[in-house]
Amino acid sequence: MEEKCCERTKHRESKEYKDMINRLSRIEGQVRGIRKMVGEERYCVDILTQVSAIQSALNSFNKKLLASHIHSCVVDDIQDGKVEAVDELCEIIQKLMK
């Protein structure tokens, strides 16, 4: 049986939500910038440099989100006796480290 994605929800405080949206908006802008660079036939190394910057920005986003997840969702689940949260955490860490 296949597990559905995103069945659970998480309320985020306004500050956390705004920070996440701002980071994602910057990343989105960087991706649009790369599309423009390709259209302008820019030099490969210049494009690769921008791709690397996006990867770094996504990694930074993931680190912040993972820390938030551990401090809130995982802690709450463990306190509620749902120790399977540790297995879920290990799985997501393995995916992020690919």
C-alpha atoms as a PDB file:
ATOM      1  CA  MET A   1       0.000   0.000   0.000  1.00  0.00           C
ATOM      2  CA  GLU A   2       1.439   3.365  -1.029  1.00  0.00           C
ATOM      3  CA  GLU A   3       1.572   6.128   1.573  1.00  0.00           C
ATOM      4  CA  LYS A   4      -0.069   9.408   0.609  1.00  0.00           C
ATOM      5  CA  CYS A   5       2.067  12.513   0.683  1.00  0.00           C
ATOM      6  CA  CYS A   6       1.153  15.472   2.815  1.00  0.00           C
ATOM      7  CA  GLU A   7      -1.754  14.004   4.782  1.00  0.00           C
ATOM      8  CA  ARG A   8      -0.570  15.732   7.936  1.00  0.00           C
ATOM      9  CA  THR A   9      -0.507  19.476   8.384  1.00  0.00           C
ATOM     10  CA  LYS A  10       1.514  21.844  10.522  1.00  0.00           C
ATOM     11  CA  HIS A  11       0.581  25.309  11.651  1.00  0.00           C
ATOM     12  CA  ARG A  12       3.493  27.737  11.381  1.00  0.00           C
ATOM     13  CA  GLU A  13       3.812  30.978  13.260  1.00  0.00           C
ATOM     14  CA  SER A  14       3.723  34.113  11.137  1.00  0.00           C
ATOM     15  CA  LYS A  15       7.468  34.795  11.404  1.00  0.00           C
ATOM     16  CA  GLU A  16       8.433  31.248  10.362  1.00  0.00           C
ATOM     17  CA  TYR A  17       5.909  31.279   7.510  1.00  0.00           C
ATOM     18  CA  LYS A  18       7.140  34.642   6.192  1.00  0.00           C
ATOM     19  CA  ASP A  19      10.775  33.518   6.397  1.00  0.00           C
ATOM     20  CA  MET A  20      10.015  30.336   4.451  1.00  0.00           C
ATOM     21  CA  ILE A  21       8.041  32.197   1.771  1.00  0.00           C
ATOM     22  CA  ASN A  22      10.765  34.842   1.420  1.00  0.00           C
ATOM     23  CA  ARG A  23      13.456  32.190   0.992  1.00  0.00           C
ATOM     24  CA  LEU A  24      11.374  30.313  -1.576  1.00  0.00           C
ATOM     25  CA  SER A  25      10.611  33.535  -3.461  1.00  0.00           C
ATOM     26  CA  ARG A  26      14.333  34.308  -3.714  1.00  0.00           C
ATOM     27  CA  ILE A  27      15.020  30.786  -4.986  1.00  0.00           C
ATOM     28  CA  GLU A  28      12.187  31.114  -7.488  1.00  0.00           C
ATOM     29  CA  GLY A  29      13.720  34.380  -8.709  1.00  0.00           C
ATOM     30  CA  GLN A  30      17.110  32.710  -9.068  1.00  0.00           C
ATOM     31  CA  VAL A  31      15.571  29.943 -11.187  1.00  0.00           C
ATOM     32  CA  ARG A  32      13.890  32.518 -13.420  1.00  0.00           C
ATOM     33  CA  GLY A  33      17.264  34.251 -13.725  1.00  0.00           C
ATOM     34  CA  ILE A  34      18.857  31.035 -14.961  1.00  0.00           C
ATOM     35  CA  ARG A  35      16.082  30.571 -17.510  1.00  0.00           C
ATOM     36  CA  LYS A  36      16.817  34.085 -18.762  1.00  0.00           C
ATOM     37  CA  MET A  37      20.555  33.352 -18.887  1.00  0.00           C
ATOM     38  CA  VAL A  38      19.925  30.258 -21.019  1.00  0.00           C
ATOM     39  CA  GLY A  39      17.727  32.311 -23.343  1.00  0.00           C
ATOM     40  CA  GLU A  40      20.487  34.906 -23.629  1.00  0.00           C
ATOM     41  CA  GLU A  41      22.988  32.149 -24.489  1.00  0.00           C
ATOM     42  CA  ARG A  42      25.165  33.022 -21.519  1.00  0.00           C
ATOM     43  CA  TYR A  43      28.433  31.207 -20.875  1.00  0.00           C
ATOM     44  CA  CYS A  44      28.017  27.730 -19.317  1.00  0.00           C
ATOM     45  CA  VAL A  45      30.213  28.460 -16.298  1.00  0.00           C
ATOM     46  CA  ASP A  46      28.129  31.527 -15.435  1.00  0.00           C
ATOM     47  CA  ILE A  47      24.954  29.414 -15.511  1.00  0.00           C
ATOM     48  CA  LEU A  48      26.562  26.623 -13.496  1.00  0.00           C
ATOM     49  CA  THR A  49      27.626  29.151 -10.872  1.00  0.00           C
ATOM     50  CA  GLN A  50      24.022  30.298 -10.519  1.00  0.00           C
ATOM     51  CA  VAL A  51      22.778  26.697 -10.323  1.00  0.00           C
ATOM     52  CA  SER A  52      25.248  26.112  -7.509  1.00  0.00           C
ATOM     53  CA  ALA A  53      23.890  29.166  -5.693  1.00  0.00           C
ATOM     54  CA  ILE A  54      20.359  27.758  -5.978  1.00  0.00           C
ATOM     55  CA  GLN A  55      21.480  24.407  -4.622  1.00  0.00           C
ATOM     56  CA  SER A  56      23.068  26.174  -1.651  1.00  0.00           C
ATOM     57  CA  ALA A  57      19.890  28.177  -1.067  1.00  0.00           C
ATOM     58  CA  LEU A  58      17.779  25.003  -1.166  1.00  0.00           C
ATOM     59  CA  ASN A  59      20.170  23.260   1.225  1.00  0.00           C
ATOM     60  CA  SER A  60      19.889  26.202   3.599  1.00  0.00           C
ATOM     61  CA  PHE A  61      16.089  26.068   3.336  1.00  0.00           C
ATOM     62  CA  ASN A  62      16.155  22.333   4.068  1.00  0.00           C
ATOM     63  CA  LYS A  63      18.373  22.818   7.138  1.00  0.00           C
ATOM     64  CA  LYS A  64      16.027  25.424   8.619  1.00  0.00           C
ATOM     65  CA  LEU A  65      12.926  23.347   7.865  1.00  0.00           C
ATOM     66  CA  LEU A  66      14.491  20.158   9.222  1.00  0.00           C
ATOM     67  CA  ALA A  67      15.529  21.885  12.452  1.00  0.00           C
ATOM     68  CA  SER A  68      12.028  23.280  12.857  1.00  0.00           C
ATOM     69  CA  HIS A  69      10.544  19.847  12.157  1.00  0.00           C
ATOM     70  CA  ILE A  70      12.745  18.190  14.772  1.00  0.00           C
ATOM     71  CA  HIS A  71      12.045  20.838  17.419  1.00  0.00           C
ATOM     72  CA  SER A  72       8.296  20.766  16.884  1.00  0.00           C
ATOM     73  CA  CYS A  73       6.792  17.795  15.049  1.00  0.00           C
ATOM     74  CA  VAL A  74       9.276  15.119  16.127  1.00  0.00           C
ATOM     75  CA  VAL A  75       9.390  16.264  19.751  1.00  0.00           C
ATOM     76  CA  ASP A  76       5.587  16.461  19.910  1.00  0.00           C
ATOM     77  CA  ASP A  77       5.203  12.982  18.399  1.00  0.00           C
ATOM     78  CA  ILE A  78       7.726  11.436  20.792  1.00  0.00           C
ATOM     79  CA  GLN A  79       6.048  13.112  23.769  1.00  0.00           C
ATOM     80  CA  ASP A  80       2.753  11.645  22.531  1.00  0.00           C
ATOM     81  CA  GLY A  81       4.355   8.181  22.462  1.00  0.00           C
ATOM     82  CA  LYS A  82       4.661   8.037  18.667  1.00  0.00           C
ATOM     83  CA  VAL A  83       8.240   6.759  18.522  1.00  0.00           C
ATOM     84  CA  GLU A  84       7.827   5.947  14.814  1.00  0.00           C
ATOM     85  CA  ALA A  85       8.588   9.650  14.321  1.00  0.00           C
ATOM     86  CA  VAL A  86      12.250   8.731  14.777  1.00  0.00           C
ATOM     87  CA  ASP A  87      12.061   6.262  11.875  1.00  0.00           C
ATOM     88  CA  GLU A  88      10.370   8.894   9.727  1.00  0.00           C
ATOM     89  CA  LEU A  89      13.104  11.377  10.664  1.00  0.00           C
ATOM     90  CA  CYS A  90      15.846   8.891   9.773  1.00  0.00           C
ATOM     91  CA  GLU A  91      14.201   8.247   6.394  1.00  0.00           C
ATOM     92  CA  ILE A  92      13.984  11.936   5.510  1.00  0.00           C
ATOM     93  CA  ILE A  93      17.587  12.529   6.573  1.00  0.00           C
ATOM     94  CA  GLN A  94      18.676   9.679   4.291  1.00  0.00           C
ATOM     95  CA  LYS A  95      16.730  11.242   1.394  1.00  0.00           C
ATOM     96  CA  LEU A  96      18.261  14.657   2.038  1.00  0.00           C
ATOM     97  CA  MET A  97      21.775  13.230   2.104  1.00  0.00           C
ATOM     98  CA  LYS A  98      21.598  11.642  -1.364  1.00  0.00           C
END
